[in-house]
Amino acid sequence: MNERTMLSEERHFENMIQAESICTAENLVYERPGTLLDVTMHYCPGCGHGVAHRLLMEVVDELGIQSQTIGIAPVGCSVFAYNYMNIDMQEAAHGRATAAATGIKRVLPEKYVFTYQGDGDLAAIGTGETIHTCNRGENILIVFINNGVYGMTGGQMAPTTLPGMKTTTSPYGRDVKVQGYPLKIADIVATLPGSFYVTRQAVHTPAYVRKAKKAMLKSFQYQKLGKGTCFIEIVSNCPSNWKMTPVESNRWVKEHMLPYYPLGDLKVPSEKETAQ
């Protein structure tokens, strides 16, 4: 099929759609929420960040809390999160997002406050801030994207890099005898008395996307109760730094990441705890 034929067929289908008026409001199965700005994202093809952004903003939109929500962007791949989320946003120094969120929430306790952080920002330079924020039970939501590498700076080994996993700084694979074991941050947070709801989810399949969104919805609802920190870890992929196609990286998440970071709720409040 030559280029002229292809263009002709494209115009034909466009004319059919317009003539039949099938692109009407009642036929829409998905529409971008107003809380997600209509701009091109900078993330690599296949990256889970875009999906996580969309889910967060869908929940904010559906709860009708756009004007009441404040997000804190990190340093890392999602450093430009404020370019995409149509809510009040604050940039934090590297690793200090939960500290910034603590200050904002204490000054404006009626607001819904969340941080959005990668594993380099949260689990490396921000470990101290994260653990103490959760231990104090600050009434915020922490969204933690775990893709096993430092994505923005070239794919170096992160605290979450799997044993034997190759990165630019562990070209022969992570040696736990030398570099230690990966940190299971959600498991650690779940043991702290200040954490209220802790879960680990993923976004590489439609079913997992729905579960991740449900976790975000619960977390914002729990924040209204004012009883502690909600923590959502999202196990994601990094096609560029893993040197894989998006499809290959999704398969790698299933075959390698999830056995080490199993999905599911790690700490769930009781019915008594969630009673108003």
C-alpha atoms as a PDB file:
ATOM      1  CA  MET A   1       0.000   0.000   0.000  1.00  0.00           C
ATOM      2  CA  ASN A   2       1.504   3.331  -1.068  1.00  0.00           C
ATOM      3  CA  GLU A   3       1.342   6.610   0.837  1.00  0.00           C
ATOM      4  CA  ARG A   4      -1.350   8.090  -1.441  1.00  0.00           C
ATOM      5  CA  THR A   5      -3.655   5.114  -0.850  1.00  0.00           C
ATOM      6  CA  MET A   6      -3.118   5.279   2.906  1.00  0.00           C
ATOM      7  CA  LEU A   7      -3.983   8.986   3.013  1.00  0.00           C
ATOM      8  CA  SER A   8      -7.073   8.361   0.927  1.00  0.00           C
ATOM      9  CA  GLU A   9      -8.278   5.654   3.333  1.00  0.00           C
ATOM     10  CA  GLU A  10      -7.598   7.858   6.352  1.00  0.00           C
ATOM     11  CA  ARG A  11      -9.741  10.639   4.851  1.00  0.00           C
ATOM     12  CA  HIS A  12     -12.434   8.082   4.044  1.00  0.00           C
ATOM     13  CA  PHE A  13     -12.632   6.908   7.668  1.00  0.00           C
ATOM     14  CA  GLU A  14     -12.568  10.478   8.957  1.00  0.00           C
ATOM     15  CA  ASN A  15     -15.480  11.347   6.669  1.00  0.00           C
ATOM     16  CA  MET A  16     -17.388   8.247   7.845  1.00  0.00           C
ATOM     17  CA  ILE A  17     -16.939   9.209  11.491  1.00  0.00           C
ATOM     18  CA  GLN A  18     -18.095  12.763  10.864  1.00  0.00           C
ATOM     19  CA  ALA A  19     -21.018  11.642   8.708  1.00  0.00           C
ATOM     20  CA  GLU A  20     -22.270   9.072  11.214  1.00  0.00           C
ATOM     21  CA  SER A  21     -21.653  11.393  14.173  1.00  0.00           C
ATOM     22  CA  ILE A  22     -20.384   8.524  16.323  1.00  0.00           C
ATOM     23  CA  CYS A  23     -17.968  10.731  18.291  1.00  0.00           C
ATOM     24  CA  THR A  24     -20.691  12.064  20.557  1.00  0.00           C
ATOM     25  CA  ALA A  25     -20.733  12.582  24.310  1.00  0.00           C
ATOM     26  CA  GLU A  26     -22.895   9.537  24.981  1.00  0.00           C
ATOM     27  CA  ASN A  27     -20.478   7.294  23.086  1.00  0.00           C
ATOM     28  CA  LEU A  28     -17.345   8.372  24.934  1.00  0.00           C
ATOM     29  CA  VAL A  29     -15.787   5.631  27.054  1.00  0.00           C
ATOM     30  CA  TYR A  30     -13.038   7.836  28.494  1.00  0.00           C
ATOM     31  CA  GLU A  31     -12.440  11.544  28.777  1.00  0.00           C
ATOM     32  CA  ARG A  32      -9.381  13.321  30.156  1.00  0.00           C
ATOM     33  CA  PRO A  33     -10.241  14.771  33.573  1.00  0.00           C
ATOM     34  CA  GLY A  34     -10.040  18.549  33.896  1.00  0.00           C
ATOM     35  CA  THR A  35      -7.484  18.060  36.654  1.00  0.00           C
ATOM     36  CA  LEU A  36      -5.012  16.673  34.111  1.00  0.00           C
ATOM     37  CA  LEU A  37      -3.668  19.398  31.851  1.00  0.00           C
ATOM     38  CA  ASP A  38      -3.816  18.889  28.077  1.00  0.00           C
ATOM     39  CA  VAL A  39      -0.063  19.015  27.492  1.00  0.00           C
ATOM     40  CA  THR A  40       2.510  16.587  26.147  1.00  0.00           C
ATOM     41  CA  MET A  41       4.291  14.650  28.882  1.00  0.00           C
ATOM     42  CA  HIS A  42       8.046  14.197  28.881  1.00  0.00           C
ATOM     43  CA  TYR A  43       8.036  10.581  30.054  1.00  0.00           C
ATOM     44  CA  CYS A  44       9.535   7.835  27.915  1.00  0.00           C
ATOM     45  CA  PRO A  45       7.140   5.635  25.895  1.00  0.00           C
ATOM     46  CA  GLY A  46       5.736   2.864  28.079  1.00  0.00           C
ATOM     47  CA  CYS A  47       6.642   4.523  31.391  1.00  0.00           C
ATOM     48  CA  GLY A  48       4.170   4.038  34.250  1.00  0.00           C
ATOM     49  CA  HIS A  49       4.398   7.639  35.476  1.00  0.00           C
ATOM     50  CA  GLY A  50       1.816   8.896  33.010  1.00  0.00           C
ATOM     51  CA  VAL A  51      -0.721   6.289  34.106  1.00  0.00           C
ATOM     52  CA  ALA A  52      -0.122   7.070  37.783  1.00  0.00           C
ATOM     53  CA  HIS A  53      -0.575  10.793  37.088  1.00  0.00           C
ATOM     54  CA  ARG A  54      -3.846  10.121  35.327  1.00  0.00           C
ATOM     55  CA  LEU A  55      -5.203   7.957  38.142  1.00  0.00           C
ATOM     56  CA  LEU A  56      -4.389  10.541  40.789  1.00  0.00           C
ATOM     57  CA  MET A  57      -6.109  13.302  38.872  1.00  0.00           C
ATOM     58  CA  GLU A  58      -9.104  11.129  38.022  1.00  0.00           C
ATOM     59  CA  VAL A  59      -9.644  10.508  41.739  1.00  0.00           C
ATOM     60  CA  VAL A  60      -9.248  14.204  42.586  1.00  0.00           C
ATOM     61  CA  ASP A  61     -11.714  15.066  39.820  1.00  0.00           C
ATOM     62  CA  GLU A  62     -14.259  12.430  40.849  1.00  0.00           C
ATOM     63  CA  LEU A  63     -14.121  13.470  44.512  1.00  0.00           C
ATOM     64  CA  GLY A  64     -14.553  17.118  43.525  1.00  0.00           C
ATOM     65  CA  ILE A  65     -11.551  18.236  45.579  1.00  0.00           C
ATOM     66  CA  GLN A  66      -9.476  20.016  42.921  1.00  0.00           C
ATOM     67  CA  SER A  67      -9.425  23.344  44.771  1.00  0.00           C
ATOM     68  CA  GLN A  68      -8.681  21.584  48.060  1.00  0.00           C
ATOM     69  CA  THR A  69      -5.734  19.473  46.902  1.00  0.00           C
ATOM     70  CA  ILE A  70      -2.028  20.280  47.134  1.00  0.00           C
ATOM     71  CA  GLY A  71       0.635  18.054  45.584  1.00  0.00           C
ATOM     72  CA  ILE A  72       4.379  18.035  46.238  1.00  0.00           C
ATOM     73  CA  ALA A  73       6.658  17.202  43.309  1.00  0.00           C
ATOM     74  CA  PRO A  74      10.043  15.528  43.872  1.00  0.00           C
ATOM     75  CA  VAL A  75      13.429  15.525  42.200  1.00  0.00           C
ATOM     76  CA  GLY A  76      13.686  12.740  39.651  1.00  0.00           C
ATOM     77  CA  CYS A  77      11.824  11.656  36.518  1.00  0.00           C
ATOM     78  CA  SER A  78       8.601  13.183  37.844  1.00  0.00           C
ATOM     79  CA  VAL A  79      10.212  16.499  38.772  1.00  0.00           C
ATOM     80  CA  PHE A  80       7.864  18.211  36.299  1.00  0.00           C
ATOM     81  CA  ALA A  81       4.688  16.718  37.774  1.00  0.00           C
ATOM     82  CA  TYR A  82       3.464  20.258  38.360  1.00  0.00           C
ATOM     83  CA  ASN A  83       3.309  20.752  34.581  1.00  0.00           C
ATOM     84  CA  TYR A  84       0.624  18.083  34.252  1.00  0.00           C
ATOM     85  CA  MET A  85      -1.570  18.274  37.335  1.00  0.00           C
ATOM     86  CA  ASN A  86      -4.077  21.120  37.344  1.00  0.00           C
ATOM     87  CA  ILE A  87      -3.978  21.629  41.107  1.00  0.00           C
ATOM     88  CA  ASP A  88      -1.850  23.631  43.531  1.00  0.00           C
ATOM     89  CA  MET A  89       1.671  22.153  43.411  1.00  0.00           C
ATOM     90  CA  GLN A  90       4.839  22.711  45.396  1.00  0.00           C
ATOM     91  CA  GLU A  91       8.354  21.667  44.412  1.00  0.00           C
ATOM     92  CA  ALA A  92      10.546  20.182  47.157  1.00  0.00           C
ATOM     93  CA  ALA A  93      14.286  19.725  47.470  1.00  0.00           C
ATOM     94  CA  HIS A  94      15.633  16.268  46.657  1.00  0.00           C
ATOM     95  CA  GLY A  95      14.166  13.752  49.107  1.00  0.00           C
ATOM     96  CA  ARG A  96      12.387  16.358  51.197  1.00  0.00           C
ATOM     97  CA  ALA A  97       8.876  16.031  49.751  1.00  0.00           C
ATOM     98  CA  THR A  98       7.326  14.487  52.859  1.00  0.00           C
ATOM     99  CA  ALA A  99       8.934  17.179  55.032  1.00  0.00           C
ATOM    100  CA  ALA A 100       7.427  19.875  52.794  1.00  0.00           C
ATOM    101  CA  ALA A 101       4.081  18.063  52.866  1.00  0.00           C
ATOM    102  CA  THR A 102       4.210  17.942  56.662  1.00  0.00           C
ATOM    103  CA  GLY A 103       4.573  21.708  56.856  1.00  0.00           C
ATOM    104  CA  ILE A 104       1.821  22.356  54.327  1.00  0.00           C
ATOM    105  CA  LYS A 105      -0.622  19.979  56.001  1.00  0.00           C
ATOM    106  CA  ARG A 106       0.005  21.414  59.460  1.00  0.00           C
ATOM    107  CA  VAL A 107      -0.539  24.968  58.238  1.00  0.00           C
ATOM    108  CA  LEU A 108      -3.540  23.998  56.063  1.00  0.00           C
ATOM    109  CA  PRO A 109      -5.042  20.936  57.796  1.00  0.00           C
ATOM    110  CA  GLU A 110      -8.277  21.167  55.799  1.00  0.00           C
ATOM    111  CA  LYS A 111      -6.437  20.539  52.499  1.00  0.00           C
ATOM    112  CA  TYR A 112      -5.794  17.167  50.863  1.00  0.00           C
ATOM    113  CA  VAL A 113      -2.011  16.841  50.617  1.00  0.00           C
ATOM    114  CA  PHE A 114       0.016  14.232  48.741  1.00  0.00           C
ATOM    115  CA  THR A 115       3.602  13.655  47.652  1.00  0.00           C
ATOM    116  CA  TYR A 116       4.566  11.944  44.411  1.00  0.00           C
ATOM    117  CA  GLN A 117       8.075  10.432  44.537  1.00  0.00           C
ATOM    118  CA  GLY A 118      10.370   7.952  42.840  1.00  0.00           C
ATOM    119  CA  ASP A 119      12.621   5.410  44.525  1.00  0.00           C
ATOM    120  CA  GLY A 120      15.738   7.582  44.292  1.00  0.00           C
ATOM    121  CA  ASP A 121      13.984  10.553  45.857  1.00  0.00           C
ATOM    122  CA  LEU A 122      12.033   8.657  48.518  1.00  0.00           C
ATOM    123  CA  ALA A 123      14.047   5.522  49.277  1.00  0.00           C
ATOM    124  CA  ALA A 124      17.592   6.932  49.022  1.00  0.00           C
ATOM    125  CA  ILE A 125      18.185  10.577  49.873  1.00  0.00           C
ATOM    126  CA  GLY A 126      14.685  10.878  51.363  1.00  0.00           C
ATOM    127  CA  THR A 127      14.683   7.760  53.547  1.00  0.00           C
ATOM    128  CA  GLY A 128      14.975   9.700  56.789  1.00  0.00           C
ATOM    129  CA  GLU A 129      12.218  12.172  55.966  1.00  0.00           C
ATOM    130  CA  THR A 130       9.929   9.398  54.733  1.00  0.00           C
ATOM    131  CA  ILE A 131      10.313   7.115  57.746  1.00  0.00           C
ATOM    132  CA  HIS A 132       9.914   9.887  60.309  1.00  0.00           C
ATOM    133  CA  THR A 133       6.919  11.376  58.464  1.00  0.00           C
ATOM    134  CA  CYS A 134       5.167   8.002  58.553  1.00  0.00           C
ATOM    135  CA  ASN A 135       6.230   7.314  62.125  1.00  0.00           C
ATOM    136  CA  ARG A 136       4.714  10.619  63.235  1.00  0.00           C
ATOM    137  CA  GLY A 137       1.532   9.688  61.399  1.00  0.00           C
ATOM    138  CA  GLU A 138       1.371  12.887  59.351  1.00  0.00           C
ATOM    139  CA  ASN A 139      -2.057  13.030  57.743  1.00  0.00           C
ATOM    140  CA  ILE A 140      -0.913  12.938  54.098  1.00  0.00           C
ATOM    141  CA  LEU A 141      -0.800  10.543  51.155  1.00  0.00           C
ATOM    142  CA  ILE A 142       2.584   9.379  49.866  1.00  0.00           C
ATOM    143  CA  VAL A 143       2.665   7.930  46.335  1.00  0.00           C
ATOM    144  CA  PHE A 144       5.900   6.029  45.755  1.00  0.00           C
ATOM    145  CA  ILE A 145       6.920   4.900  42.240  1.00  0.00           C
ATOM    146  CA  ASN A 146       9.325   1.947  42.383  1.00  0.00           C
ATOM    147  CA  ASN A 147      11.007   1.066  39.070  1.00  0.00           C
ATOM    148  CA  GLY A 148      14.226  -0.316  40.522  1.00  0.00           C
ATOM    149  CA  VAL A 149      16.627   2.313  39.125  1.00  0.00           C
ATOM    150  CA  TYR A 150      17.515   5.997  39.152  1.00  0.00           C
ATOM    151  CA  GLY A 151      15.565   6.865  36.035  1.00  0.00           C
ATOM    152  CA  MET A 152      16.412  10.530  35.427  1.00  0.00           C
ATOM    153  CA  THR A 153      20.172  10.389  35.909  1.00  0.00           C
ATOM    154  CA  GLY A 154      21.074   7.414  33.729  1.00  0.00           C
ATOM    155  CA  GLY A 155      19.808   4.197  35.287  1.00  0.00           C
ATOM    156  CA  GLN A 156      22.137   3.797  38.244  1.00  0.00           C
ATOM    157  CA  MET A 157      21.516   1.257  41.006  1.00  0.00           C
ATOM    158  CA  ALA A 158      18.829   2.371  43.465  1.00  0.00           C
ATOM    159  CA  PRO A 159      17.942   1.129  46.942  1.00  0.00           C
ATOM    160  CA  THR A 160      15.162  -0.855  45.238  1.00  0.00           C
ATOM    161  CA  THR A 161      17.342  -2.515  42.546  1.00  0.00           C
ATOM    162  CA  LEU A 162      16.810  -6.280  42.607  1.00  0.00           C
ATOM    163  CA  PRO A 163      19.576  -8.768  43.525  1.00  0.00           C
ATOM    164  CA  GLY A 164      21.515  -9.568  40.374  1.00  0.00           C
ATOM    165  CA  MET A 165      19.869  -6.733  38.425  1.00  0.00           C
ATOM    166  CA  LYS A 166      22.232  -4.925  36.070  1.00  0.00           C
ATOM    167  CA  THR A 167      22.400  -1.129  36.089  1.00  0.00           C
ATOM    168  CA  THR A 168      24.963   1.433  34.942  1.00  0.00           C
ATOM    169  CA  THR A 169      26.634   1.272  38.367  1.00  0.00           C
ATOM    170  CA  SER A 170      26.173  -2.477  38.829  1.00  0.00           C
ATOM    171  CA  PRO A 171      27.064  -3.789  35.354  1.00  0.00           C
ATOM    172  CA  TYR A 172      27.547  -7.326  36.684  1.00  0.00           C
ATOM    173  CA  GLY A 173      24.347  -7.252  38.683  1.00  0.00           C
ATOM    174  CA  ARG A 174      23.609  -6.124  42.235  1.00  0.00           C
ATOM    175  CA  ASP A 175      25.736  -8.139  44.669  1.00  0.00           C
ATOM    176  CA  VAL A 176      23.951  -8.209  48.017  1.00  0.00           C
ATOM    177  CA  LYS A 177      27.195  -9.090  49.798  1.00  0.00           C
ATOM    178  CA  VAL A 178      28.668  -5.789  48.623  1.00  0.00           C
ATOM    179  CA  GLN A 179      25.719  -3.471  48.102  1.00  0.00           C
ATOM    180  CA  GLY A 180      23.179  -4.947  50.502  1.00  0.00           C
ATOM    181  CA  TYR A 181      19.615  -6.007  49.896  1.00  0.00           C
ATOM    182  CA  PRO A 182      16.882  -3.963  48.210  1.00  0.00           C
ATOM    183  CA  LEU A 183      14.763  -1.905  50.590  1.00  0.00           C
ATOM    184  CA  LYS A 184      11.132  -2.956  50.804  1.00  0.00           C
ATOM    185  CA  ILE A 185       9.933   0.474  51.816  1.00  0.00           C
ATOM    186  CA  ALA A 186       6.216  -0.329  52.014  1.00  0.00           C
ATOM    187  CA  ASP A 187       6.942  -3.256  54.337  1.00  0.00           C
ATOM    188  CA  ILE A 188       8.966  -0.973  56.608  1.00  0.00           C
ATOM    189  CA  VAL A 189       6.301   1.740  56.621  1.00  0.00           C
ATOM    190  CA  ALA A 190       3.601  -0.819  57.462  1.00  0.00           C
ATOM    191  CA  THR A 191       5.333  -1.587  60.779  1.00  0.00           C
ATOM    192  CA  LEU A 192       5.230   2.030  61.952  1.00  0.00           C
ATOM    193  CA  PRO A 193       2.434   3.016  64.336  1.00  0.00           C
ATOM    194  CA  GLY A 194       1.770   6.276  62.480  1.00  0.00           C
ATOM    195  CA  SER A 195       0.926   4.611  59.169  1.00  0.00           C
ATOM    196  CA  PHE A 196      -2.808   4.142  58.640  1.00  0.00           C
ATOM    197  CA  TYR A 197      -3.076   2.498  55.222  1.00  0.00           C
ATOM    198  CA  VAL A 198      -0.191   0.890  53.304  1.00  0.00           C
ATOM    199  CA  THR A 199      -0.497  -0.911  49.985  1.00  0.00           C
ATOM    200  CA  ARG A 200       1.608  -1.992  47.020  1.00  0.00           C
ATOM    201  CA  GLN A 201       0.070  -1.804  43.558  1.00  0.00           C
ATOM    202  CA  ALA A 202       1.087  -1.720  39.865  1.00  0.00           C
ATOM    203  CA  VAL A 203      -0.090  -0.099  36.629  1.00  0.00           C
ATOM    204  CA  HIS A 204       1.154  -2.374  33.841  1.00  0.00           C
ATOM    205  CA  THR A 205      -2.193  -4.096  33.162  1.00  0.00           C
ATOM    206  CA  PRO A 206      -5.783  -2.788  33.096  1.00  0.00           C
ATOM    207  CA  ALA A 207      -6.729  -4.903  36.119  1.00  0.00           C
ATOM    208  CA  TYR A 208      -3.862  -3.528  38.193  1.00  0.00           C
ATOM    209  CA  VAL A 209      -4.659   0.015  37.028  1.00  0.00           C
ATOM    210  CA  ARG A 210      -8.156  -0.325  38.473  1.00  0.00           C
ATOM    211  CA  LYS A 211      -6.781  -1.613  41.781  1.00  0.00           C
ATOM    212  CA  ALA A 212      -4.248   1.220  41.983  1.00  0.00           C
ATOM    213  CA  LYS A 213      -6.990   3.784  41.401  1.00  0.00           C
ATOM    214  CA  LYS A 214      -9.117   2.197  44.120  1.00  0.00           C
ATOM    215  CA  ALA A 215      -6.176   2.482  46.528  1.00  0.00           C
ATOM    216  CA  MET A 216      -5.800   6.188  45.700  1.00  0.00           C
ATOM    217  CA  LEU A 217      -9.506   6.773  46.236  1.00  0.00           C
ATOM    218  CA  LYS A 218      -9.367   5.073  49.634  1.00  0.00           C
ATOM    219  CA  SER A 219      -6.311   7.089  50.627  1.00  0.00           C
ATOM    220  CA  PHE A 220      -7.950  10.454  49.970  1.00  0.00           C
ATOM    221  CA  GLN A 221     -11.049   9.304  51.820  1.00  0.00           C
ATOM    222  CA  TYR A 222      -8.930   8.119  54.757  1.00  0.00           C
ATOM    223  CA  GLN A 223      -7.078  11.445  54.842  1.00  0.00           C
ATOM    224  CA  LYS A 224     -10.378  13.131  55.611  1.00  0.00           C
ATOM    225  CA  LEU A 225     -10.523  11.038  58.803  1.00  0.00           C
ATOM    226  CA  GLY A 226      -7.204  12.488  59.985  1.00  0.00           C
ATOM    227  CA  LYS A 227      -5.863   9.271  61.497  1.00  0.00           C
ATOM    228  CA  GLY A 228      -2.417   8.829  59.967  1.00  0.00           C
ATOM    229  CA  THR A 229      -0.276   8.429  56.873  1.00  0.00           C
ATOM    230  CA  CYS A 230      -1.455   6.636  53.740  1.00  0.00           C
ATOM    231  CA  PHE A 231       1.315   5.080  51.647  1.00  0.00           C
ATOM    232  CA  ILE A 232       0.903   3.664  48.135  1.00  0.00           C
ATOM    233  CA  GLU A 233       3.860   1.965  46.463  1.00  0.00           C
ATOM    234  CA  ILE A 234       3.444   1.459  42.718  1.00  0.00           C
ATOM    235  CA  VAL A 235       5.769  -1.096  41.152  1.00  0.00           C
ATOM    236  CA  SER A 236       6.482   0.260  37.703  1.00  0.00           C
ATOM    237  CA  ASN A 237       8.769  -0.165  34.716  1.00  0.00           C
ATOM    238  CA  CYS A 238      11.577   1.844  33.141  1.00  0.00           C
ATOM    239  CA  PRO A 239      11.894   0.751  29.490  1.00  0.00           C
ATOM    240  CA  SER A 240      14.694   3.204  28.643  1.00  0.00           C
ATOM    241  CA  ASN A 241      17.053   2.348  31.488  1.00  0.00           C
ATOM    242  CA  TRP A 242      16.155  -1.332  31.473  1.00  0.00           C
ATOM    243  CA  LYS A 243      17.056  -1.319  27.750  1.00  0.00           C
ATOM    244  CA  MET A 244      13.739  -2.928  26.812  1.00  0.00           C
ATOM    245  CA  THR A 245      10.675  -2.193  24.752  1.00  0.00           C
ATOM    246  CA  PRO A 246       7.561  -1.207  26.715  1.00  0.00           C
ATOM    247  CA  VAL A 247       6.089  -4.689  26.182  1.00  0.00           C
ATOM    248  CA  GLU A 248       9.295  -6.387  27.315  1.00  0.00           C
ATOM    249  CA  SER A 249       9.522  -4.153  30.382  1.00  0.00           C
ATOM    250  CA  ASN A 250       5.935  -4.946  31.386  1.00  0.00           C
ATOM    251  CA  ARG A 251       6.753  -8.636  31.117  1.00  0.00           C
ATOM    252  CA  TRP A 252       9.871  -8.073  33.221  1.00  0.00           C
ATOM    253  CA  VAL A 253       7.770  -6.386  35.918  1.00  0.00           C
ATOM    254  CA  LYS A 254       5.602  -9.491  36.111  1.00  0.00           C
ATOM    255  CA  GLU A 255       8.424 -12.030  36.002  1.00  0.00           C
ATOM    256  CA  HIS A 256      11.029 -10.296  38.189  1.00  0.00           C
ATOM    257  CA  MET A 257       9.740  -7.268  40.081  1.00  0.00           C
ATOM    258  CA  LEU A 258       6.492  -8.676  41.450  1.00  0.00           C
ATOM    259  CA  PRO A 259       7.990 -11.849  42.957  1.00  0.00           C
ATOM    260  CA  TYR A 260      10.282  -9.615  45.042  1.00  0.00           C
ATOM    261  CA  TYR A 261       7.705  -6.859  45.603  1.00  0.00           C
ATOM    262  CA  PRO A 262       4.394  -8.753  45.899  1.00  0.00           C
ATOM    263  CA  LEU A 263       1.275  -6.683  45.352  1.00  0.00           C
ATOM    264  CA  GLY A 264      -1.527  -6.163  47.827  1.00  0.00           C
ATOM    265  CA  ASP A 265      -2.451  -4.392  51.032  1.00  0.00           C
ATOM    266  CA  LEU A 266       0.146  -4.464  53.797  1.00  0.00           C
ATOM    267  CA  LYS A 267      -1.791  -2.490  56.393  1.00  0.00           C
ATOM    268  CA  VAL A 268      -5.529  -1.893  56.320  1.00  0.00           C
ATOM    269  CA  PRO A 269      -7.501   0.020  58.951  1.00  0.00           C
ATOM    270  CA  SER A 270     -10.354  -1.744  60.695  1.00  0.00           C
ATOM    271  CA  GLU A 271     -13.996  -0.734  60.309  1.00  0.00           C
ATOM    272  CA  LYS A 272     -13.808   0.797  63.773  1.00  0.00           C
ATOM    273  CA  GLU A 273     -10.807   2.908  62.734  1.00  0.00           C
ATOM    274  CA  THR A 274     -12.552   4.201  59.624  1.00  0.00           C
ATOM    275  CA  ALA A 275     -15.792   5.051  61.387  1.00  0.00           C
ATOM    276  CA  GLN A 276     -16.486   8.786  61.396  1.00  0.00           C
END
